[in-house]
N, C-alpha and C. Protein backbone atom coordinates (compact mmCIF):
# COMPACT_ATOMS: atom_id res chain seq x y z
N UNK A 1 18.23 31.55 -12.80
CA UNK A 1 16.58 31.21 -12.96
C UNK A 1 16.16 29.92 -13.43
N UNK A 2 17.02 29.42 -14.21
CA UNK A 2 16.48 27.91 -14.73
C UNK A 2 16.72 27.07 -13.47
N UNK A 3 17.71 27.33 -12.54
CA UNK A 3 18.04 26.45 -11.62
C UNK A 3 17.02 26.51 -10.75
N UNK A 4 16.36 27.70 -10.32
CA UNK A 4 15.03 27.81 -9.33
C UNK A 4 14.32 26.70 -10.19
N UNK A 5 13.73 26.95 -10.98
CA UNK A 5 12.58 26.44 -11.64
C UNK A 5 13.00 24.94 -11.42
N UNK A 6 14.13 24.48 -11.88
CA UNK A 6 14.48 23.23 -11.83
C UNK A 6 14.20 22.58 -10.25
N UNK A 7 14.87 23.35 -9.54
CA UNK A 7 14.48 22.84 -8.13
C UNK A 7 13.19 22.51 -7.74
N UNK A 8 12.27 23.46 -8.28
CA UNK A 8 10.77 23.64 -7.71
C UNK A 8 10.18 22.36 -8.26
N UNK A 9 10.65 22.10 -9.86
CA UNK A 9 10.05 20.87 -10.51
C UNK A 9 10.20 19.52 -9.57
N UNK A 10 11.73 19.51 -9.27
CA UNK A 10 12.18 18.30 -8.58
C UNK A 10 11.42 18.26 -7.23
N UNK A 11 11.47 19.41 -6.48
CA UNK A 11 10.72 19.19 -5.28
C UNK A 11 9.08 18.81 -5.53
N UNK A 12 8.29 19.27 -6.21
CA UNK A 12 7.16 18.85 -6.68
C UNK A 12 7.17 17.65 -7.02
N UNK A 13 7.63 17.23 -7.99
CA UNK A 13 7.60 15.81 -8.47
C UNK A 13 7.87 14.89 -7.13
N UNK A 14 9.08 15.15 -6.46
CA UNK A 14 9.12 14.37 -4.97
C UNK A 14 7.99 14.21 -4.28
N UNK A 15 7.52 15.46 -3.92
CA UNK A 15 6.05 15.52 -3.13
C UNK A 15 5.53 14.42 -3.63
N UNK A 16 4.80 14.23 -4.95
CA UNK A 16 3.79 13.89 -5.34
C UNK A 16 4.01 12.36 -5.56
N UNK A 17 5.81 11.88 -5.58
CA UNK A 17 6.07 10.64 -5.87
C UNK A 17 5.66 10.18 -4.38
N UNK A 18 6.33 10.70 -3.44
CA UNK A 18 5.99 10.53 -2.14
C UNK A 18 4.66 9.83 -1.46
N UNK A 19 4.04 11.12 -1.93
CA UNK A 19 2.33 10.80 -1.69
C UNK A 19 1.86 9.57 -2.35
N UNK A 20 2.07 9.57 -3.56
CA UNK A 20 1.52 8.47 -4.27
C UNK A 20 2.26 6.90 -3.81
N UNK A 21 3.45 6.93 -3.19
CA UNK A 21 4.04 5.69 -2.53
C UNK A 21 3.02 5.53 -1.27
N UNK A 22 2.97 6.62 -0.55
CA UNK A 22 2.02 6.32 0.89
C UNK A 22 0.77 6.00 0.45
N UNK A 23 0.14 6.43 -0.47
CA UNK A 23 -1.19 5.91 -0.44
C UNK A 23 -1.21 4.29 -1.19
N UNK A 24 -0.24 4.01 -1.97
CA UNK A 24 0.18 2.70 -2.65
C UNK A 24 0.16 1.73 -1.31
N UNK A 25 1.25 2.14 -0.54
CA UNK A 25 1.40 1.29 0.72
C UNK A 25 0.31 1.02 1.56
N UNK A 26 -0.45 2.04 1.78
CA UNK A 26 -1.82 1.95 2.79
C UNK A 26 -2.91 1.37 2.01
N UNK A 27 -3.05 0.96 0.46
CA UNK A 27 -3.72 0.13 -0.09
C UNK A 27 -3.28 -0.96 0.09
N UNK A 28 -1.87 -1.56 -0.16
CA UNK A 28 -1.36 -2.76 0.01
C UNK A 28 -1.69 -3.31 1.46
N UNK A 29 -1.53 -2.60 2.54
CA UNK A 29 -1.86 -3.05 3.70
C UNK A 29 -3.17 -3.31 4.18
N UNK A 30 -3.99 -2.72 3.45
CA UNK A 30 -5.57 -3.03 3.54
C UNK A 30 -5.79 -4.29 2.94
N UNK A 31 -5.18 -4.45 1.57
CA UNK A 31 -5.39 -5.84 1.15
C UNK A 31 -4.86 -6.82 1.90
N UNK A 32 -3.37 -6.63 2.11
CA UNK A 32 -2.91 -7.84 3.40
C UNK A 32 -3.73 -8.07 4.14
N UNK A 33 -4.63 -7.16 4.99
CA UNK A 33 -5.08 -7.45 6.18
C UNK A 33 -6.64 -8.10 5.78
N UNK A 34 -7.19 -7.93 4.32
CA UNK A 34 -8.37 -8.71 4.07
C UNK A 34 -7.84 -9.98 3.67
N UNK A 35 -6.64 -10.37 3.21
CA UNK A 35 -6.36 -11.66 2.89
C UNK A 35 -5.84 -12.34 4.02
N UNK A 36 -5.46 -11.76 5.13
CA UNK A 36 -5.18 -12.37 6.25
C UNK A 36 -6.37 -12.81 6.85
N UNK A 37 -7.63 -12.10 7.04
CA UNK A 37 -8.77 -12.42 7.17
C UNK A 37 -9.41 -13.59 6.66
N UNK A 38 -9.43 -13.46 5.24
CA UNK A 38 -10.02 -14.43 4.30
C UNK A 38 -9.23 -15.71 4.81
N UNK A 39 -7.84 -15.77 4.71
CA UNK A 39 -7.14 -16.94 5.04
C UNK A 39 -7.46 -17.56 6.09
N UNK A 40 -7.09 -17.03 7.47
CA UNK A 40 -7.96 -17.72 8.72
C UNK A 40 -9.00 -17.94 8.47
N UNK A 41 -10.20 -17.39 7.82
CA UNK A 41 -11.41 -17.96 7.72
C UNK A 41 -11.05 -19.59 7.26
N UNK A 42 -10.79 -19.40 5.86
CA UNK A 42 -10.34 -20.60 5.10
C UNK A 42 -10.07 -21.51 6.03
N UNK A 43 -8.76 -21.22 6.74
CA UNK A 43 -7.93 -22.24 7.38
C UNK A 43 -8.69 -22.76 8.73
N UNK A 44 -9.53 -22.18 9.31
CA UNK A 44 -10.27 -22.42 10.22
C UNK A 44 -11.36 -23.57 9.67
N UNK A 45 -11.96 -23.23 8.73
CA UNK A 45 -13.18 -24.17 8.38
C UNK A 45 -12.64 -25.53 8.08
N UNK A 46 -11.76 -25.94 7.33
CA UNK A 46 -11.41 -27.24 7.05
C UNK A 46 -10.97 -27.83 8.29
N UNK A 47 -10.23 -27.24 9.05
CA UNK A 47 -9.82 -27.78 10.09
C UNK A 47 -11.04 -28.36 10.92
N UNK A 48 -11.70 -27.50 11.18
CA UNK A 48 -13.19 -28.19 12.11
C UNK A 48 -14.07 -29.18 11.24
N UNK A 49 -13.82 -29.37 9.91
CA UNK A 49 -14.56 -30.37 8.85
C UNK A 49 -13.79 -31.46 9.28
N UNK A 50 -12.39 -31.52 9.60
CA UNK A 50 -11.63 -32.56 9.69
C UNK A 50 -11.81 -33.39 10.88
N UNK A 51 -11.97 -32.20 12.08
CA UNK A 51 -12.22 -32.99 13.18
C UNK A 51 -13.51 -33.43 13.60
């Protein structure tokens, strides 16, 4: 009986960890997209000033 509860707890914790990692990776990808947009805007501004 103890092994069943142990397996269930391991499975549930694994699911929670995978869900947390996927949400974190999604947030990181969104942050990277925003950074890329800001960087492209920042890089294009000084170039136009120089020319």
